[in-house]
Amino acid sequence: MAEAKNVLNTDLEVCCTSPMTGFYRDGFCSTGAYDTGMHVVCAQVTPAFLEFTKLRGNDLSTPVPEYNFPGLKPGDRWCLCASRWQEALEAGVAPPVVLVATHARALEVCNFEDLKKHGLTSL
């Protein structure tokens, strides 16, 4: 099986392991047949984004112990659904993106130039 690629067409790098992120909870923004939300954008969440997504029914800041979810705080990195990141972009609250850890499939939903414009310059 070929290694997953990021939006820069290099090997996909880890997004975050604390908290453990990714659809498969392996730290990578990998995707597959069961990931209907396409959790492929590695973002560093901001207060504005956390409020935005909460208002749209996906509260990422409240811990959910039964799912071993600690809740996110500003500065945490998380694999977001490409469509939610795009929606946040259009609302003016897109969080910064870790390009080397954002799966190439994000380009099916998001424009590369938009991702690059929001790209973090350092890991």
N, C-alpha and C. Protein backbone atom coordinates (compact mmCIF):
# COMPACT_ATOMS: atom_id res chain seq x y z
N MET A 1 0.84 -1.18 0.00
CA MET A 1 0.00 0.00 0.00
C MET A 1 0.89 1.24 0.00
N ALA A 2 0.58 2.22 -0.85
CA ALA A 2 1.36 3.44 -0.96
C ALA A 2 1.15 4.32 0.27
N GLU A 3 2.18 5.08 0.62
CA GLU A 3 2.08 6.01 1.73
C GLU A 3 1.09 7.12 1.36
N ALA A 4 0.34 7.58 2.36
CA ALA A 4 -0.59 8.69 2.13
C ALA A 4 0.21 9.95 1.84
N LYS A 5 -0.34 10.80 0.99
CA LYS A 5 0.31 12.05 0.61
C LYS A 5 -0.43 13.23 1.22
N ASN A 6 0.32 14.30 1.43
CA ASN A 6 -0.28 15.54 1.93
C ASN A 6 -0.56 16.48 0.76
N VAL A 7 -1.06 17.67 1.05
CA VAL A 7 -1.41 18.63 -0.01
C VAL A 7 -0.18 19.18 -0.74
N LEU A 8 1.01 18.93 -0.20
CA LEU A 8 2.26 19.33 -0.85
C LEU A 8 2.84 18.20 -1.69
N ASN A 9 2.12 17.07 -1.75
CA ASN A 9 2.50 15.87 -2.48
C ASN A 9 3.76 15.21 -1.92
N THR A 10 3.94 15.32 -0.60
CA THR A 10 5.00 14.59 0.10
C THR A 10 4.30 13.66 1.08
N ASP A 11 5.06 12.81 1.76
CA ASP A 11 4.45 11.86 2.69
C ASP A 11 3.70 12.60 3.79
N LEU A 12 2.50 12.12 4.10
CA LEU A 12 1.67 12.71 5.15
C LEU A 12 2.39 12.59 6.49
N GLU A 13 2.47 13.70 7.21
CA GLU A 13 3.12 13.71 8.52
C GLU A 13 2.06 13.71 9.62
N VAL A 14 2.49 13.39 10.84
CA VAL A 14 1.58 13.35 11.98
C VAL A 14 1.02 14.75 12.25
N CYS A 15 -0.25 14.79 12.62
CA CYS A 15 -0.90 16.05 12.98
C CYS A 15 -0.74 16.31 14.47
N CYS A 16 -1.18 15.34 15.28
CA CYS A 16 -1.10 15.52 16.73
C CYS A 16 -1.35 14.20 17.44
N THR A 17 -0.61 13.98 18.51
CA THR A 17 -0.83 12.78 19.33
C THR A 17 -1.26 13.14 20.75
N SER A 18 -1.29 14.44 21.07
CA SER A 18 -1.75 14.88 22.39
C SER A 18 -2.46 16.21 22.25
N PRO A 19 -3.79 16.19 22.08
CA PRO A 19 -4.64 15.00 22.13
C PRO A 19 -4.52 14.17 20.84
N MET A 20 -4.81 12.89 20.98
CA MET A 20 -4.73 11.96 19.84
C MET A 20 -5.84 12.29 18.86
N THR A 21 -5.47 12.58 17.64
CA THR A 21 -6.44 12.98 16.64
C THR A 21 -6.49 12.00 15.48
N GLY A 22 -7.29 12.32 14.50
CA GLY A 22 -7.44 11.52 13.30
C GLY A 22 -8.66 10.61 13.38
N PHE A 23 -9.25 10.35 12.25
CA PHE A 23 -10.41 9.47 12.20
C PHE A 23 -10.08 8.12 12.82
N TYR A 24 -8.84 7.66 12.62
CA TYR A 24 -8.42 6.37 13.16
C TYR A 24 -7.73 6.51 14.52
N ARG A 25 -7.69 7.72 15.05
CA ARG A 25 -7.05 8.04 16.34
C ARG A 25 -5.62 7.49 16.38
N ASP A 26 -4.89 7.83 15.31
CA ASP A 26 -3.48 7.42 15.23
C ASP A 26 -2.56 8.62 15.08
N GLY A 27 -3.13 9.83 15.18
CA GLY A 27 -2.34 11.05 15.07
C GLY A 27 -2.26 11.62 13.67
N PHE A 28 -2.71 10.85 12.67
CA PHE A 28 -2.65 11.27 11.27
C PHE A 28 -4.04 11.65 10.76
N CYS A 29 -4.08 12.57 9.81
CA CYS A 29 -5.34 12.94 9.17
C CYS A 29 -5.57 12.04 7.95
N SER A 30 -5.49 10.75 8.19
CA SER A 30 -5.74 9.75 7.14
C SER A 30 -7.25 9.60 6.96
N THR A 31 -7.63 9.02 5.85
CA THR A 31 -9.05 8.82 5.58
C THR A 31 -9.24 7.47 4.91
N GLY A 32 -10.48 7.05 4.85
CA GLY A 32 -10.81 5.78 4.24
C GLY A 32 -12.30 5.70 4.00
N ALA A 33 -12.76 4.54 3.61
CA ALA A 33 -14.15 4.34 3.22
C ALA A 33 -15.16 4.71 4.31
N TYR A 34 -14.79 4.49 5.57
CA TYR A 34 -15.73 4.75 6.66
C TYR A 34 -15.70 6.19 7.15
N ASP A 35 -14.74 6.97 6.69
CA ASP A 35 -14.61 8.37 7.11
C ASP A 35 -15.45 9.25 6.19
N THR A 36 -16.76 9.20 6.37
CA THR A 36 -17.66 9.95 5.49
C THR A 36 -17.50 11.46 5.66
N GLY A 37 -16.96 11.91 6.79
CA GLY A 37 -16.75 13.34 7.00
C GLY A 37 -15.43 13.84 6.44
N MET A 38 -14.59 12.94 5.96
CA MET A 38 -13.28 13.27 5.43
C MET A 38 -12.50 14.19 6.39
N HIS A 39 -12.07 13.62 7.51
CA HIS A 39 -11.31 14.34 8.55
C HIS A 39 -9.86 14.46 8.12
N VAL A 40 -9.57 15.36 7.18
CA VAL A 40 -8.28 15.37 6.52
C VAL A 40 -7.49 16.68 6.66
N VAL A 41 -8.08 17.71 7.25
CA VAL A 41 -7.39 18.99 7.40
C VAL A 41 -6.80 19.08 8.81
N CYS A 42 -5.48 19.13 8.90
CA CYS A 42 -4.82 19.29 10.19
C CYS A 42 -4.79 20.78 10.52
N ALA A 43 -5.58 21.15 11.51
CA ALA A 43 -5.70 22.56 11.87
C ALA A 43 -5.30 22.79 13.32
N GLN A 44 -4.83 23.99 13.58
CA GLN A 44 -4.55 24.42 14.95
C GLN A 44 -5.75 25.28 15.35
N VAL A 45 -6.59 24.74 16.24
CA VAL A 45 -7.87 25.39 16.52
C VAL A 45 -7.68 26.71 17.27
N THR A 46 -8.59 27.62 16.99
CA THR A 46 -8.60 28.95 17.58
C THR A 46 -9.89 29.15 18.36
N PRO A 47 -9.94 30.13 19.25
CA PRO A 47 -11.20 30.40 19.96
C PRO A 47 -12.36 30.68 18.99
N ALA A 48 -12.10 31.45 17.95
CA ALA A 48 -13.17 31.78 16.99
C ALA A 48 -13.68 30.54 16.28
N PHE A 49 -12.76 29.64 15.88
CA PHE A 49 -13.20 28.41 15.22
C PHE A 49 -13.99 27.52 16.17
N LEU A 50 -13.51 27.37 17.40
CA LEU A 50 -14.20 26.51 18.37
C LEU A 50 -15.63 27.01 18.62
N GLU A 51 -15.81 28.31 18.70
CA GLU A 51 -17.15 28.88 18.88
C GLU A 51 -17.99 28.65 17.63
N PHE A 52 -17.39 28.86 16.47
CA PHE A 52 -18.07 28.66 15.19
C PHE A 52 -18.61 27.24 15.05
N THR A 53 -17.76 26.25 15.30
CA THR A 53 -18.17 24.86 15.12
C THR A 53 -19.19 24.45 16.18
N LYS A 54 -19.06 24.99 17.39
CA LYS A 54 -20.03 24.70 18.45
C LYS A 54 -21.42 25.20 18.05
N LEU A 55 -21.48 26.40 17.47
CA LEU A 55 -22.76 26.96 17.03
C LEU A 55 -23.38 26.17 15.88
N ARG A 56 -22.58 25.35 15.23
CA ARG A 56 -23.07 24.52 14.13
C ARG A 56 -23.29 23.07 14.56
N GLY A 57 -23.28 22.84 15.88
CA GLY A 57 -23.64 21.53 16.40
C GLY A 57 -22.50 20.57 16.66
N ASN A 58 -21.26 21.01 16.49
CA ASN A 58 -20.12 20.14 16.76
C ASN A 58 -19.23 20.79 17.80
N ASP A 59 -19.56 20.57 19.07
CA ASP A 59 -18.83 21.16 20.18
C ASP A 59 -17.53 20.38 20.41
N LEU A 60 -16.43 20.98 20.01
CA LEU A 60 -15.13 20.32 20.15
C LEU A 60 -14.42 20.73 21.43
N SER A 61 -14.98 21.68 22.20
CA SER A 61 -14.29 22.14 23.40
C SER A 61 -14.74 21.46 24.68
N THR A 62 -15.86 20.78 24.65
CA THR A 62 -16.35 20.10 25.85
C THR A 62 -15.86 18.66 25.89
N PRO A 63 -15.22 18.27 26.99
CA PRO A 63 -14.76 16.87 27.11
C PRO A 63 -15.93 15.89 27.06
N VAL A 64 -15.69 14.73 26.46
CA VAL A 64 -16.66 13.65 26.43
C VAL A 64 -15.91 12.39 26.89
N PRO A 65 -15.85 12.20 28.22
CA PRO A 65 -15.05 11.10 28.79
C PRO A 65 -15.41 9.72 28.26
N GLU A 66 -16.69 9.48 28.00
CA GLU A 66 -17.10 8.15 27.53
C GLU A 66 -16.52 7.80 26.16
N TYR A 67 -16.07 8.82 25.42
CA TYR A 67 -15.40 8.59 24.13
C TYR A 67 -13.91 8.92 24.22
N ASN A 68 -13.42 9.06 25.45
CA ASN A 68 -12.02 9.37 25.69
C ASN A 68 -11.60 10.64 24.94
N PHE A 69 -12.51 11.62 24.90
CA PHE A 69 -12.25 12.89 24.22
C PHE A 69 -12.05 13.97 25.27
N PRO A 70 -10.85 14.57 25.31
CA PRO A 70 -10.53 15.54 26.36
C PRO A 70 -11.14 16.92 26.15
N GLY A 71 -11.68 17.18 24.97
CA GLY A 71 -12.10 18.54 24.63
C GLY A 71 -10.88 19.32 24.16
N LEU A 72 -11.08 20.16 23.17
CA LEU A 72 -9.96 20.92 22.62
C LEU A 72 -9.90 22.31 23.21
N LYS A 73 -8.69 22.84 23.26
CA LYS A 73 -8.49 24.22 23.69
C LYS A 73 -7.71 24.93 22.58
N PRO A 74 -7.80 26.25 22.53
CA PRO A 74 -7.07 26.97 21.48
C PRO A 74 -5.60 26.56 21.47
N GLY A 75 -5.09 26.33 20.27
CA GLY A 75 -3.70 25.90 20.10
C GLY A 75 -3.56 24.41 19.86
N ASP A 76 -4.58 23.63 20.25
CA ASP A 76 -4.54 22.19 19.98
C ASP A 76 -4.65 21.96 18.47
N ARG A 77 -4.06 20.89 18.02
CA ARG A 77 -4.17 20.50 16.61
C ARG A 77 -5.15 19.35 16.50
N TRP A 78 -5.96 19.37 15.44
CA TRP A 78 -7.02 18.40 15.28
C TRP A 78 -7.30 18.19 13.80
N CYS A 79 -7.65 16.97 13.44
CA CYS A 79 -8.04 16.66 12.06
C CYS A 79 -9.50 17.04 11.86
N LEU A 80 -9.71 18.09 11.10
CA LEU A 80 -11.06 18.60 10.84
C LEU A 80 -11.61 18.03 9.55
N CYS A 81 -12.93 17.98 9.47
CA CYS A 81 -13.59 17.66 8.21
C CYS A 81 -13.26 18.77 7.22
N ALA A 82 -12.91 18.38 6.01
CA ALA A 82 -12.57 19.37 4.99
C ALA A 82 -13.73 20.34 4.76
N SER A 83 -14.94 19.83 4.78
CA SER A 83 -16.10 20.70 4.54
C SER A 83 -16.29 21.71 5.67
N ARG A 84 -15.99 21.33 6.92
CA ARG A 84 -16.12 22.27 8.04
C ARG A 84 -15.05 23.36 7.95
N TRP A 85 -13.82 22.97 7.56
CA TRP A 85 -12.77 23.98 7.40
C TRP A 85 -13.17 24.96 6.30
N GLN A 86 -13.71 24.44 5.20
CA GLN A 86 -14.14 25.29 4.09
C GLN A 86 -15.26 26.23 4.54
N GLU A 87 -16.19 25.69 5.30
CA GLU A 87 -17.29 26.50 5.83
C GLU A 87 -16.74 27.61 6.73
N ALA A 88 -15.78 27.28 7.57
CA ALA A 88 -15.16 28.28 8.45
C ALA A 88 -14.42 29.33 7.63
N LEU A 89 -13.77 28.91 6.57
CA LEU A 89 -13.09 29.87 5.68
C LEU A 89 -14.09 30.88 5.14
N GLU A 90 -15.21 30.37 4.64
CA GLU A 90 -16.22 31.25 4.06
C GLU A 90 -16.84 32.18 5.10
N ALA A 91 -16.80 31.78 6.38
CA ALA A 91 -17.33 32.61 7.47
C ALA A 91 -16.25 33.53 8.06
N GLY A 92 -15.01 33.40 7.56
CA GLY A 92 -13.93 34.26 8.03
C GLY A 92 -13.27 33.81 9.32
N VAL A 93 -13.45 32.54 9.70
CA VAL A 93 -12.87 32.03 10.95
C VAL A 93 -12.07 30.74 10.75
N ALA A 94 -11.51 30.55 9.57
CA ALA A 94 -10.73 29.34 9.31
C ALA A 94 -9.49 29.31 10.19
N PRO A 95 -9.26 28.20 10.88
CA PRO A 95 -8.05 28.10 11.70
C PRO A 95 -6.83 27.82 10.83
N PRO A 96 -5.63 28.10 11.37
CA PRO A 96 -4.40 27.80 10.64
C PRO A 96 -4.29 26.31 10.33
N VAL A 97 -3.58 26.00 9.25
CA VAL A 97 -3.47 24.64 8.74
C VAL A 97 -2.01 24.18 8.76
N VAL A 98 -1.79 22.93 9.14
CA VAL A 98 -0.47 22.31 9.05
C VAL A 98 -0.44 21.55 7.73
N LEU A 99 0.14 22.16 6.71
CA LEU A 99 0.09 21.61 5.36
C LEU A 99 0.71 20.22 5.25
N VAL A 100 1.83 19.98 5.91
CA VAL A 100 2.50 18.68 5.80
C VAL A 100 1.69 17.56 6.44
N ALA A 101 0.70 17.92 7.27
CA ALA A 101 -0.13 16.93 7.95
C ALA A 101 -1.56 16.93 7.44
N THR A 102 -1.83 17.71 6.38
CA THR A 102 -3.16 17.76 5.78
C THR A 102 -3.17 16.84 4.56
N HIS A 103 -4.06 15.85 4.60
CA HIS A 103 -4.14 14.83 3.56
C HIS A 103 -4.50 15.46 2.21
N ALA A 104 -3.94 14.90 1.15
CA ALA A 104 -4.18 15.40 -0.21
C ALA A 104 -5.66 15.41 -0.58
N ARG A 105 -6.45 14.53 0.01
CA ARG A 105 -7.88 14.51 -0.32
C ARG A 105 -8.60 15.78 0.11
N ALA A 106 -7.98 16.60 0.94
CA ALA A 106 -8.57 17.89 1.30
C ALA A 106 -8.79 18.74 0.04
N LEU A 107 -7.97 18.51 -0.97
CA LEU A 107 -8.07 19.29 -2.20
C LEU A 107 -9.34 18.98 -3.00
N GLU A 108 -10.06 17.94 -2.61
CA GLU A 108 -11.35 17.64 -3.24
C GLU A 108 -12.41 18.64 -2.78
N VAL A 109 -12.16 19.30 -1.66
CA VAL A 109 -13.13 20.23 -1.07
C VAL A 109 -12.56 21.64 -0.95
N CYS A 110 -11.28 21.73 -0.63
CA CYS A 110 -10.64 23.02 -0.36
C CYS A 110 -9.66 23.39 -1.47
N ASN A 111 -9.54 24.66 -1.71
CA ASN A 111 -8.60 25.18 -2.69
C ASN A 111 -7.20 25.23 -2.08
N PHE A 112 -6.20 24.75 -2.82
CA PHE A 112 -4.84 24.72 -2.30
C PHE A 112 -4.35 26.11 -1.88
N GLU A 113 -4.66 27.12 -2.67
CA GLU A 113 -4.21 28.48 -2.35
C GLU A 113 -4.81 28.97 -1.03
N ASP A 114 -6.07 28.60 -0.76
CA ASP A 114 -6.69 28.97 0.52
C ASP A 114 -5.99 28.27 1.67
N LEU A 115 -5.72 26.97 1.51
CA LEU A 115 -5.01 26.22 2.55
C LEU A 115 -3.63 26.83 2.78
N LYS A 116 -2.92 27.12 1.69
CA LYS A 116 -1.58 27.68 1.79
C LYS A 116 -1.59 29.03 2.49
N LYS A 117 -2.57 29.85 2.16
CA LYS A 117 -2.69 31.18 2.78
C LYS A 117 -2.88 31.06 4.30
N HIS A 118 -3.49 29.97 4.76
CA HIS A 118 -3.72 29.73 6.19
C HIS A 118 -2.70 28.77 6.78
N GLY A 119 -1.68 28.44 6.00
CA GLY A 119 -0.68 27.49 6.46
C GLY A 119 0.22 28.03 7.55
N LEU A 120 0.50 27.19 8.53
CA LEU A 120 1.46 27.54 9.58
C LEU A 120 2.86 27.44 9.00
N THR A 121 3.72 28.34 9.41
CA THR A 121 5.07 28.34 8.86
C THR A 121 6.02 27.46 9.65
N SER A 122 5.63 27.04 10.84
CA SER A 122 6.51 26.17 11.62
C SER A 122 5.69 25.10 12.32
N LEU A 123 6.35 23.98 12.60
CA LEU A 123 5.69 22.90 13.34
C LEU A 123 5.97 23.13 14.78
